Amino acid sequence: MIKMAELPLAVVIRMIKSAGAERVSEDAGEALRVVLEAKAEEVAKKAISLANHAKRKTLKKEDIAEAIKEL
């Protein structure tokens, strides 16, 4: 099954440009998008695990922050 991208390419390219790049190829934007989406999924899964451990169904900002610290 092919997974569709969640982050729009234009947004990722804009992020790269805001970091200082003058020009950004589509391939570079796509490469960063893949990395960002993978990392976001990893953080989300850890945060969900933390919320479940606390017997909550609602994911909170603190779960995300703790997941980032632990990864």
C-alpha atoms as a PDB file:
ATOM      1  CA  MET A   1       0.000   0.000   0.000  1.00  0.00           C
ATOM      2  CA  ILE A   2       1.349   3.411  -0.978  1.00  0.00           C
ATOM      3  CA  LYS A   3       1.077   6.002   1.772  1.00  0.00           C
ATOM      4  CA  MET A   4       0.018   9.493   0.729  1.00  0.00           C
ATOM      5  CA  ALA A   5       2.035  12.446   1.971  1.00  0.00           C
ATOM      6  CA  GLU A   6       0.443  14.379   4.820  1.00  0.00           C
ATOM      7  CA  LEU A   7       2.555  17.536   4.621  1.00  0.00           C
ATOM      8  CA  PRO A   8       2.106  19.672   1.512  1.00  0.00           C
ATOM      9  CA  LEU A   9       5.335  19.991  -0.462  1.00  0.00           C
ATOM     10  CA  ALA A  10       4.904  23.765  -0.753  1.00  0.00           C
ATOM     11  CA  VAL A  11       4.864  24.095   3.034  1.00  0.00           C
ATOM     12  CA  VAL A  12       8.055  22.044   3.404  1.00  0.00           C
ATOM     13  CA  ILE A  13       9.802  24.086   0.716  1.00  0.00           C
ATOM     14  CA  ARG A  14       8.672  27.290   2.455  1.00  0.00           C
ATOM     15  CA  MET A  15      10.157  25.980   5.717  1.00  0.00           C
ATOM     16  CA  ILE A  16      13.491  25.310   4.003  1.00  0.00           C
ATOM     17  CA  LYS A  17      13.471  28.791   2.480  1.00  0.00           C
ATOM     18  CA  SER A  18      12.665  30.371   5.840  1.00  0.00           C
ATOM     19  CA  ALA A  19      15.776  28.599   7.165  1.00  0.00           C
ATOM     20  CA  GLY A  20      17.819  30.562   4.644  1.00  0.00           C
ATOM     21  CA  ALA A  21      17.840  28.684   1.337  1.00  0.00           C
ATOM     22  CA  GLU A  22      17.457  30.889  -1.733  1.00  0.00           C
ATOM     23  CA  ARG A  23      16.220  28.127  -3.987  1.00  0.00           C
ATOM     24  CA  VAL A  24      14.947  24.644  -3.185  1.00  0.00           C
ATOM     25  CA  SER A  25      14.457  21.775  -5.609  1.00  0.00           C
ATOM     26  CA  GLU A  26      11.330  19.655  -5.448  1.00  0.00           C
ATOM     27  CA  ASP A  27      13.521  16.632  -4.704  1.00  0.00           C
ATOM     28  CA  ALA A  28      15.033  18.381  -1.669  1.00  0.00           C
ATOM     29  CA  GLY A  29      11.578  19.334  -0.406  1.00  0.00           C
ATOM     30  CA  GLU A  30      10.354  15.780  -0.897  1.00  0.00           C
ATOM     31  CA  ALA A  31      13.375  14.353   0.926  1.00  0.00           C
ATOM     32  CA  LEU A  32      12.766  16.580   3.946  1.00  0.00           C
ATOM     33  CA  ARG A  33       9.028  15.860   3.849  1.00  0.00           C
ATOM     34  CA  VAL A  34       9.716  12.113   4.139  1.00  0.00           C
ATOM     35  CA  VAL A  35      11.990  12.674   7.146  1.00  0.00           C
ATOM     36  CA  LEU A  36       9.564  15.086   8.864  1.00  0.00           C
ATOM     37  CA  GLU A  37       6.591  12.775   8.403  1.00  0.00           C
ATOM     38  CA  ALA A  38       8.513   9.762   9.708  1.00  0.00           C
ATOM     39  CA  LYS A  39       9.696  11.682  12.773  1.00  0.00           C
ATOM     40  CA  ALA A  40       6.207  13.079  13.406  1.00  0.00           C
ATOM     41  CA  GLU A  41       4.736   9.586  13.290  1.00  0.00           C
ATOM     42  CA  GLU A  42       7.419   8.301  15.676  1.00  0.00           C
ATOM     43  CA  VAL A  43       6.700  11.123  18.155  1.00  0.00           C
ATOM     44  CA  ALA A  44       2.940  10.623  17.840  1.00  0.00           C
ATOM     45  CA  LYS A  45       3.178   6.890  18.527  1.00  0.00           C
ATOM     46  CA  LYS A  46       5.314   7.481  21.621  1.00  0.00           C
ATOM     47  CA  ALA A  47       2.948  10.224  22.834  1.00  0.00           C
ATOM     48  CA  ILE A  48      -0.052   7.925  22.354  1.00  0.00           C
ATOM     49  CA  SER A  49       1.737   5.285  24.383  1.00  0.00           C
ATOM     50  CA  LEU A  50       2.308   7.804  27.176  1.00  0.00           C
ATOM     51  CA  ALA A  51      -1.352   8.877  27.143  1.00  0.00           C
ATOM     52  CA  ASN A  52      -2.486   5.246  27.230  1.00  0.00           C
ATOM     53  CA  HIS A  53      -0.151   4.561  30.152  1.00  0.00           C
ATOM     54  CA  ALA A  54      -1.809   7.464  31.985  1.00  0.00           C
ATOM     55  CA  LYS A  55      -5.183   5.848  31.164  1.00  0.00           C
ATOM     56  CA  ARG A  56      -6.208   8.737  28.917  1.00  0.00           C
ATOM     57  CA  LYS A  57      -7.668   8.694  25.433  1.00  0.00           C
ATOM     58  CA  THR A  58      -6.895  12.370  24.883  1.00  0.00           C
ATOM     59  CA  LEU A  59      -3.405  13.227  23.731  1.00  0.00           C
ATOM     60  CA  LYS A  60      -2.071  16.324  25.484  1.00  0.00           C
ATOM     61  CA  LYS A  61       0.678  18.805  24.727  1.00  0.00           C
ATOM     62  CA  GLU A  62       2.642  17.339  27.623  1.00  0.00           C
ATOM     63  CA  ASP A  63       2.550  13.886  25.996  1.00  0.00           C
ATOM     64  CA  ILE A  64       4.124  15.308  22.836  1.00  0.00           C
ATOM     65  CA  ALA A  65       6.781  17.176  24.835  1.00  0.00           C
ATOM     66  CA  GLU A  66       7.637  14.072  26.874  1.00  0.00           C
ATOM     67  CA  ALA A  67       7.742  11.883  23.761  1.00  0.00           C
ATOM     68  CA  ILE A  68      10.213  14.271  22.136  1.00  0.00           C
ATOM     69  CA  LYS A  69      12.410  14.194  25.240  1.00  0.00           C
ATOM     70  CA  GLU A  70      12.380  10.395  25.357  1.00  0.00           C
ATOM     71  CA  LEU A  71      13.198   9.873  21.683  1.00  0.00           C
END
